[in-house]
């Protein structure tokens, strides 16, 4: 049920319980419940309307929101359902998110099962006919990494769970930009030429990043050119730049690692002789300091696949700033030459 903008939204909000698979979905339906009017009436103005000036674009997650904003600029209002700094895999939407979904003129999701519960929530609360774009549709099937075991694939005849963090590879981010530009141009054809111009400029920047990232990672001694991470959102980045993910500590369930899992990771870090391993800004875990103490490998907690650095409005607070900061961190921690990135601009960001 949907009420047109300008009418009261009380009582229309359906909240879907968040239960996202680790890297991809299984297609299992989730139970929807209804939020009582009192749950949102006190927190919102009595009338909620869509401003005539700018159309609203809702995005499933902060990382892809950053990409959409590069193209939309100030011509559209762009919001992420998952707030900055939140764990997108386990985030549970709140009533205010239902209002965002109900007022959206376009919904953009990552796809391949990433944040499925957020997408189901948006679908439950959006206006009928609201356009929906799935960015991961741009990635060829034969380039998608399955997270299923060989036994699972053999049993089902196909993979059903995927690593969907494509945007950590800037070349795949270019594919995303093409999808975003087409969607925004269809939503707002008056400004289609502007979106195309912004996309062309941003694509040029991403191609430049790709070259610099390749050189920076290549400067890491070959014996150290491998990643041990807490949450594996780096497999596509690793495949692109020849620095494979050889270990991921966090279980698929997003629970804290068990004692056996911690011991196996300690053994693997020692066997791989990596000088450093990496946590995640949105997955804090006390066990990582213990692993560092046990192995002697340095632990860096601030590798980020979606938390933008710097202050909002600054050059650092962008997809480009986030990725330059990540590559600088990885290169420096593993013994490479991060000064290769200095020509890109600010220390961790910039155009």
Protein backbone atom coordinates (compact mmCIF):
# COMPACT_ATOMS: atom_id res chain seq x y z
CA UNK A 1 0.00 0.00 0.00
CA UNK A 2 1.36 3.41 -0.90
CA UNK A 3 0.10 6.92 -0.33
CA UNK A 4 1.06 9.62 -2.80
CA UNK A 5 3.59 12.31 -1.73
CA UNK A 6 1.95 15.05 0.26
CA UNK A 7 -0.34 12.66 2.14
CA UNK A 8 0.31 11.23 5.57
CA UNK A 9 2.52 8.16 5.64
CA UNK A 10 1.39 6.84 9.02
CA UNK A 11 0.59 3.17 9.04
CA UNK A 12 1.97 2.26 5.61
CA UNK A 13 5.43 1.25 6.72
CA UNK A 14 6.44 -2.39 6.46
CA UNK A 15 9.77 -3.30 8.01
CA UNK A 16 11.64 -6.35 6.79
CA UNK A 17 13.87 -8.07 9.33
CA UNK A 18 17.50 -7.69 8.25
CA UNK A 19 19.22 -11.01 7.70
CA UNK A 20 21.77 -10.55 4.97
CA UNK A 21 23.97 -13.37 3.72
CA UNK A 22 27.71 -12.83 3.95
CA UNK A 23 28.51 -12.07 0.33
CA UNK A 24 25.35 -13.08 -1.50
CA UNK A 25 21.81 -14.21 -1.02
CA UNK A 26 20.19 -17.59 -1.11
CA UNK A 27 16.87 -16.26 -2.36
CA UNK A 28 15.13 -17.08 0.93
CA UNK A 29 12.12 -14.85 1.60
CA UNK A 30 12.10 -12.89 4.82
CA UNK A 31 9.16 -12.10 7.05
CA UNK A 32 7.73 -8.59 6.86
CA UNK A 33 6.11 -6.94 9.85
CA UNK A 34 4.18 -3.70 10.14
CA UNK A 35 5.39 -0.76 12.16
CA UNK A 36 2.69 0.78 14.31
CA UNK A 37 1.87 4.42 13.47
CA UNK A 38 3.14 5.49 16.89
CA UNK A 39 6.60 4.18 16.04
CA UNK A 40 7.16 6.91 13.49
CA UNK A 41 4.58 9.60 14.21
CA UNK A 42 6.62 11.21 16.96
CA UNK A 43 9.84 11.34 14.98
CA UNK A 44 8.60 12.88 11.73
CA UNK A 45 6.67 15.98 10.69
CA UNK A 46 2.92 15.48 10.31
CA UNK A 47 3.12 15.95 6.53
CA UNK A 48 5.89 14.53 4.33
CA UNK A 49 6.13 15.83 0.78
CA UNK A 50 8.44 15.40 -2.17
CA UNK A 51 10.14 18.70 -3.06
CA UNK A 52 9.51 19.68 -6.66
CA UNK A 53 13.09 20.86 -7.21
CA UNK A 54 15.02 17.60 -7.07
CA UNK A 55 14.09 14.00 -7.56
CA UNK A 56 15.12 11.49 -4.93
CA UNK A 57 17.48 8.57 -5.48
CA UNK A 58 17.81 5.96 -2.74
CA UNK A 59 20.85 3.65 -2.76
CA UNK A 60 21.31 0.42 -0.85
CA UNK A 61 24.74 1.18 0.67
CA UNK A 62 27.26 3.98 1.30
CA UNK A 63 29.93 2.84 -1.19
CA UNK A 64 27.59 2.90 -4.15
CA UNK A 65 26.00 6.10 -2.85
CA UNK A 66 29.42 7.73 -3.24
CA UNK A 67 29.54 6.64 -6.88
CA UNK A 68 26.00 7.87 -7.57
CA UNK A 69 26.78 11.28 -6.05
CA UNK A 70 29.76 11.68 -8.39
CA UNK A 71 27.35 11.67 -11.32
CA UNK A 72 24.27 13.24 -9.72
CA UNK A 73 26.07 16.16 -8.12
CA UNK A 74 23.51 18.62 -6.77
CA UNK A 75 20.93 17.88 -9.46
CA UNK A 76 19.36 15.02 -7.50
CA UNK A 77 18.91 14.18 -3.84
CA UNK A 78 20.89 10.98 -3.17
CA UNK A 79 20.63 9.04 0.09
CA UNK A 80 21.88 5.67 1.35
CA UNK A 81 19.58 3.40 3.31
CA UNK A 82 22.55 2.06 5.28
CA UNK A 83 24.04 5.06 7.11
CA UNK A 84 27.78 5.85 6.98
CA UNK A 85 29.77 3.80 9.47
CA UNK A 86 27.10 1.11 9.85
CA UNK A 87 27.66 -2.54 9.01
CA UNK A 88 25.71 -2.92 5.79
CA UNK A 89 25.45 -6.70 6.10
CA UNK A 90 23.64 -6.59 9.43
CA UNK A 91 21.96 -3.16 9.38
CA UNK A 92 18.26 -3.25 10.29
CA UNK A 93 16.25 -0.47 8.59
CA UNK A 94 14.36 1.94 10.82
CA UNK A 95 11.02 3.70 10.23
CA UNK A 96 12.70 6.80 8.77
CA UNK A 97 14.20 4.54 6.10
CA UNK A 98 10.68 3.52 5.11
CA UNK A 99 9.86 7.16 4.46
CA UNK A 100 12.97 7.46 2.27
CA UNK A 101 11.90 4.39 0.32
CA UNK A 102 8.33 5.65 -0.07
CA UNK A 103 9.48 8.99 -1.47
CA UNK A 104 12.18 7.58 -3.77
CA UNK A 105 11.93 8.19 -7.50
CA UNK A 106 14.67 5.61 -8.17
CA UNK A 107 16.26 2.80 -6.19
CA UNK A 108 19.84 1.68 -6.92
CA UNK A 109 21.17 -1.51 -5.37
CA UNK A 110 24.43 -3.41 -5.67
CA UNK A 111 22.87 -6.82 -6.34
CA UNK A 112 24.32 -10.34 -6.39
CA UNK A 113 22.74 -10.85 -2.98
CA UNK A 114 24.57 -8.03 -1.21
CA UNK A 115 22.30 -6.39 1.38
CA UNK A 116 19.28 -8.37 0.20
CA UNK A 117 17.29 -7.46 3.29
CA UNK A 118 17.69 -3.75 2.53
CA UNK A 119 16.42 -4.29 -1.01
CA UNK A 120 13.42 -6.28 0.25
CA UNK A 121 12.69 -3.50 2.72
CA UNK A 122 12.81 -0.83 0.02
CA UNK A 123 10.56 -2.88 -2.28
CA UNK A 124 8.06 -3.30 0.56
CA UNK A 125 7.82 0.45 1.09
CA UNK A 126 8.41 2.03 -2.33
CA UNK A 127 5.67 3.35 -4.58
CA UNK A 128 4.42 0.86 -7.15
CA UNK A 129 6.45 1.18 -10.32
CA UNK A 130 9.47 2.84 -8.72
CA UNK A 131 12.40 2.11 -11.07
CA UNK A 132 15.10 -0.19 -9.69
CA UNK A 133 18.65 -0.59 -11.01
CA UNK A 134 21.02 -3.43 -10.08
CA UNK A 135 24.62 -2.35 -10.62
CA UNK A 136 26.17 -5.82 -10.44
CA UNK A 137 24.22 -6.78 -13.57
CA UNK A 138 27.05 -5.01 -15.41
CA UNK A 139 29.57 -7.66 -14.31
CA UNK A 140 29.83 -10.72 -16.60
CA UNK A 141 28.76 -13.95 -14.92
CA UNK A 142 32.06 -15.66 -15.66
CA UNK A 143 33.93 -12.95 -13.71
CA UNK A 144 31.89 -13.32 -10.52
CA UNK A 145 33.60 -15.12 -7.63
CA UNK A 146 31.47 -17.75 -5.90
CA UNK A 147 31.73 -18.14 -2.14
CA UNK A 148 30.29 -21.66 -2.26
CA UNK A 149 32.51 -24.66 -1.76
CA UNK A 150 33.14 -27.04 -4.65
CA UNK A 151 30.91 -29.57 -2.89
CA UNK A 152 28.02 -27.09 -2.67
CA UNK A 153 28.30 -26.19 -6.33
CA UNK A 154 28.42 -29.86 -7.32
CA UNK A 155 25.35 -30.59 -5.21
CA UNK A 156 23.26 -27.73 -6.65
CA UNK A 157 24.69 -27.68 -10.16
CA UNK A 158 25.47 -23.97 -9.83
CA UNK A 159 26.68 -21.36 -7.38
CA UNK A 160 24.09 -19.42 -5.39
CA UNK A 161 26.24 -17.28 -3.08
CA UNK A 162 28.71 -14.69 -4.34
CA UNK A 163 31.32 -12.17 -3.32
CA UNK A 164 29.56 -9.01 -4.47
CA UNK A 165 32.12 -6.32 -3.53
CA UNK A 166 32.91 -5.37 -7.13
CA UNK A 167 33.44 -1.66 -6.48
CA UNK A 168 36.80 -2.20 -4.74
CA UNK A 169 38.11 -2.81 -8.27
CA UNK A 170 38.14 0.63 -9.97
CA UNK A 171 37.67 -0.96 -13.39
CA UNK A 172 34.44 -2.55 -12.21
CA UNK A 173 33.51 0.82 -10.69
CA UNK A 174 33.63 2.18 -14.25
CA UNK A 175 31.08 -0.47 -15.24
CA UNK A 176 28.94 0.69 -12.32
CA UNK A 177 29.24 4.32 -13.47
CA UNK A 178 27.85 3.38 -16.88
CA UNK A 179 24.80 1.80 -15.23
CA UNK A 180 24.34 4.78 -12.91
CA UNK A 181 24.59 7.30 -15.73
CA UNK A 182 21.97 5.50 -17.82
CA UNK A 183 19.62 5.30 -14.83
CA UNK A 184 19.97 8.97 -13.86
CA UNK A 185 19.56 10.07 -17.47
CA UNK A 186 16.33 8.08 -17.74
CA UNK A 187 15.08 9.57 -14.48
CA UNK A 188 16.05 13.14 -15.37
CA UNK A 189 16.44 13.41 -19.15
CA UNK A 190 16.68 17.21 -19.05
CA UNK A 191 20.11 16.85 -17.42
CA UNK A 192 21.24 13.74 -19.30
CA UNK A 193 24.07 15.58 -21.08
CA UNK A 194 25.44 16.78 -17.74
CA UNK A 195 25.37 13.26 -16.31
CA UNK A 196 27.20 11.95 -19.36
CA UNK A 197 29.87 14.65 -19.07
CA UNK A 198 30.40 13.91 -15.39
CA UNK A 199 30.59 10.20 -16.10
CA UNK A 200 33.23 10.72 -18.80
CA UNK A 201 35.37 12.84 -16.47
CA UNK A 202 35.00 10.42 -13.59
CA UNK A 203 35.82 7.45 -15.80
CA UNK A 204 39.03 9.19 -16.87
CA UNK A 205 39.98 9.64 -13.21
CA UNK A 206 39.27 5.99 -12.46
CA UNK A 207 41.42 4.84 -15.38
CA UNK A 208 44.24 6.98 -14.02
CA UNK A 209 43.73 5.44 -10.57
CA UNK A 210 43.97 1.98 -12.10
CA UNK A 211 47.42 2.72 -13.52
CA UNK A 212 48.74 4.23 -10.30
CA UNK A 213 47.31 1.42 -8.19
CA UNK A 214 48.92 -1.17 -10.43
CA UNK A 215 52.31 0.52 -10.03
CA UNK A 216 51.96 0.94 -6.26
CA UNK A 217 51.00 -2.69 -5.63
CA UNK A 218 53.78 -3.88 -7.97
CA UNK A 219 56.27 -2.04 -5.76
CA UNK A 220 55.48 -4.40 -2.86
CA UNK A 221 58.09 -7.19 -2.59
CA UNK A 222 56.68 -10.29 -4.25
CA UNK A 223 56.94 -12.40 -1.09
CA UNK A 224 54.68 -9.90 0.72
CA UNK A 225 52.23 -9.28 -2.11
CA UNK A 226 49.22 -10.99 -0.53
CA UNK A 227 46.33 -9.92 1.66
CA UNK A 228 45.04 -11.27 4.94
CA UNK A 229 41.86 -9.40 5.83
CA UNK A 230 39.14 -9.58 8.43
CA UNK A 231 36.23 -9.26 6.00
CA UNK A 232 36.80 -10.39 2.42
CA UNK A 233 35.63 -7.49 0.33
CA UNK A 234 38.97 -7.36 -1.51
CA UNK A 235 39.00 -10.38 -3.81
CA UNK A 236 38.25 -8.38 -6.97
CA UNK A 237 40.81 -5.74 -6.05
CA UNK A 238 43.32 -8.52 -5.38
CA UNK A 239 42.61 -10.23 -8.67
CA UNK A 240 42.98 -6.97 -10.60
CA UNK A 241 46.33 -6.01 -9.05
CA UNK A 242 48.00 -9.33 -8.43
CA UNK A 243 47.73 -9.27 -4.66
CA UNK A 244 45.44 -12.20 -3.78
CA UNK A 245 43.43 -12.53 -0.59
CA UNK A 246 45.04 -15.56 1.06
CA UNK A 247 43.03 -15.41 4.28
CA UNK A 248 39.83 -13.88 5.65
CA UNK A 249 39.25 -14.10 9.38
CA UNK A 250 35.57 -13.28 9.77
CA UNK A 251 33.14 -16.22 9.51
CA UNK A 252 30.35 -16.10 6.95
CA UNK A 253 27.83 -15.62 9.78
CA UNK A 254 29.48 -12.30 10.83
CA UNK A 255 29.90 -13.67 14.34
CA UNK A 256 33.17 -13.38 16.20
CA UNK A 257 35.68 -16.02 15.04
CA UNK A 258 35.81 -19.18 17.14
CA UNK A 259 38.95 -20.29 18.96
CA UNK A 260 39.63 -22.84 16.21
CA UNK A 261 39.19 -20.22 13.48
CA UNK A 262 41.55 -17.86 15.27
CA UNK A 263 44.15 -20.58 15.63
CA UNK A 264 43.90 -21.47 11.94
CA UNK A 265 44.34 -17.84 10.99
CA UNK A 266 47.38 -17.48 13.24
CA UNK A 267 48.89 -20.55 11.60
CA UNK A 268 48.11 -19.19 8.14
CA UNK A 269 49.62 -15.77 8.84
CA UNK A 270 52.78 -17.46 10.04
CA UNK A 271 52.85 -19.80 7.04
CA UNK A 272 52.33 -16.96 4.56
CA UNK A 273 54.87 -14.77 6.42
CA UNK A 274 52.83 -11.64 5.72
CA UNK A 275 54.19 -8.55 7.48
CA UNK A 276 50.71 -7.12 8.08
CA UNK A 277 47.02 -7.92 8.00
CA UNK A 278 44.00 -5.68 7.79
CA UNK A 279 40.78 -5.12 9.68
CA UNK A 280 37.80 -3.05 8.65
CA UNK A 281 36.39 0.20 9.96
CA UNK A 282 32.86 -1.23 10.12
CA UNK A 283 33.86 -4.61 11.58
CA UNK A 284 35.63 -3.87 14.88
CA UNK A 285 36.96 -6.99 16.58
CA UNK A 286 39.06 -7.44 19.70
CA UNK A 287 40.51 -10.71 18.42
CA UNK A 288 42.66 -8.96 15.82
CA UNK A 289 44.97 -7.40 18.39
CA UNK A 290 45.46 -10.86 19.90
CA UNK A 291 46.30 -12.30 16.48
CA UNK A 292 48.83 -9.52 15.91
CA UNK A 293 50.44 -10.18 19.28
CA UNK A 294 50.62 -13.90 18.60
CA UNK A 295 52.00 -13.68 15.06
CA UNK A 296 54.15 -10.56 15.18
CA UNK A 297 52.40 -9.27 12.05
CA UNK A 298 51.30 -5.64 12.19
CA UNK A 299 47.55 -5.07 12.39
CA UNK A 300 45.90 -2.15 10.58
CA UNK A 301 42.28 -1.52 11.52
CA UNK A 302 41.26 1.09 8.98
CA UNK A 303 41.03 -0.61 5.60
CA UNK A 304 37.68 0.55 4.25
CA UNK A 305 35.42 -0.72 1.49
CA UNK A 306 32.64 1.82 2.17
CA UNK A 307 33.52 4.23 5.00
CA UNK A 308 34.62 7.46 3.31
CA UNK A 309 37.56 9.27 4.92
CA UNK A 310 37.74 12.97 5.73
CA UNK A 311 34.95 15.42 6.35
CA UNK A 312 31.85 15.58 4.15
CA UNK A 313 32.53 17.97 1.30
CA UNK A 314 36.29 17.45 1.35
CA UNK A 315 38.16 15.80 -1.58
CA UNK A 316 39.05 12.89 0.70
CA UNK A 317 35.39 12.19 1.42
CA UNK A 318 34.80 10.37 -1.86
CA UNK A 319 35.21 7.02 -3.57
CA UNK A 320 38.53 8.24 -5.01
CA UNK A 321 39.72 9.41 -1.60
CA UNK A 322 38.72 6.12 0.01
CA UNK A 323 40.50 4.00 -2.58
CA UNK A 324 43.70 6.09 -2.63
CA UNK A 325 43.81 5.83 1.15
CA UNK A 326 43.33 2.05 0.98
CA UNK A 327 46.06 1.50 -1.59
CA UNK A 328 48.43 3.82 0.29
CA UNK A 329 47.79 1.82 3.47
CA UNK A 330 48.25 -1.59 1.82
CA UNK A 331 51.37 -0.53 -0.06
CA UNK A 332 53.04 1.02 2.96
CA UNK A 333 52.13 -1.82 5.34
CA UNK A 334 53.46 -4.52 3.02
CA UNK A 335 56.76 -2.81 2.24
CA UNK A 336 56.03 -1.07 -1.06
CA UNK A 337 56.47 2.53 -2.14
CA UNK A 338 53.35 4.60 -1.36
CA UNK A 339 54.98 7.76 -2.77
CA UNK A 340 53.94 6.47 -6.21
CA UNK A 341 50.47 7.72 -5.29
CA UNK A 342 51.57 11.26 -4.41
CA UNK A 343 50.91 12.54 -7.92
CA UNK A 344 47.22 11.76 -7.44
CA UNK A 345 46.81 14.68 -5.08
CA UNK A 346 45.99 14.83 -1.39
CA UNK A 347 47.38 12.33 1.09
CA UNK A 348 44.63 9.76 0.80
CA UNK A 349 42.31 11.53 -1.58
CA UNK A 350 41.89 14.18 -4.16
CA UNK A 351 41.38 14.26 -7.84
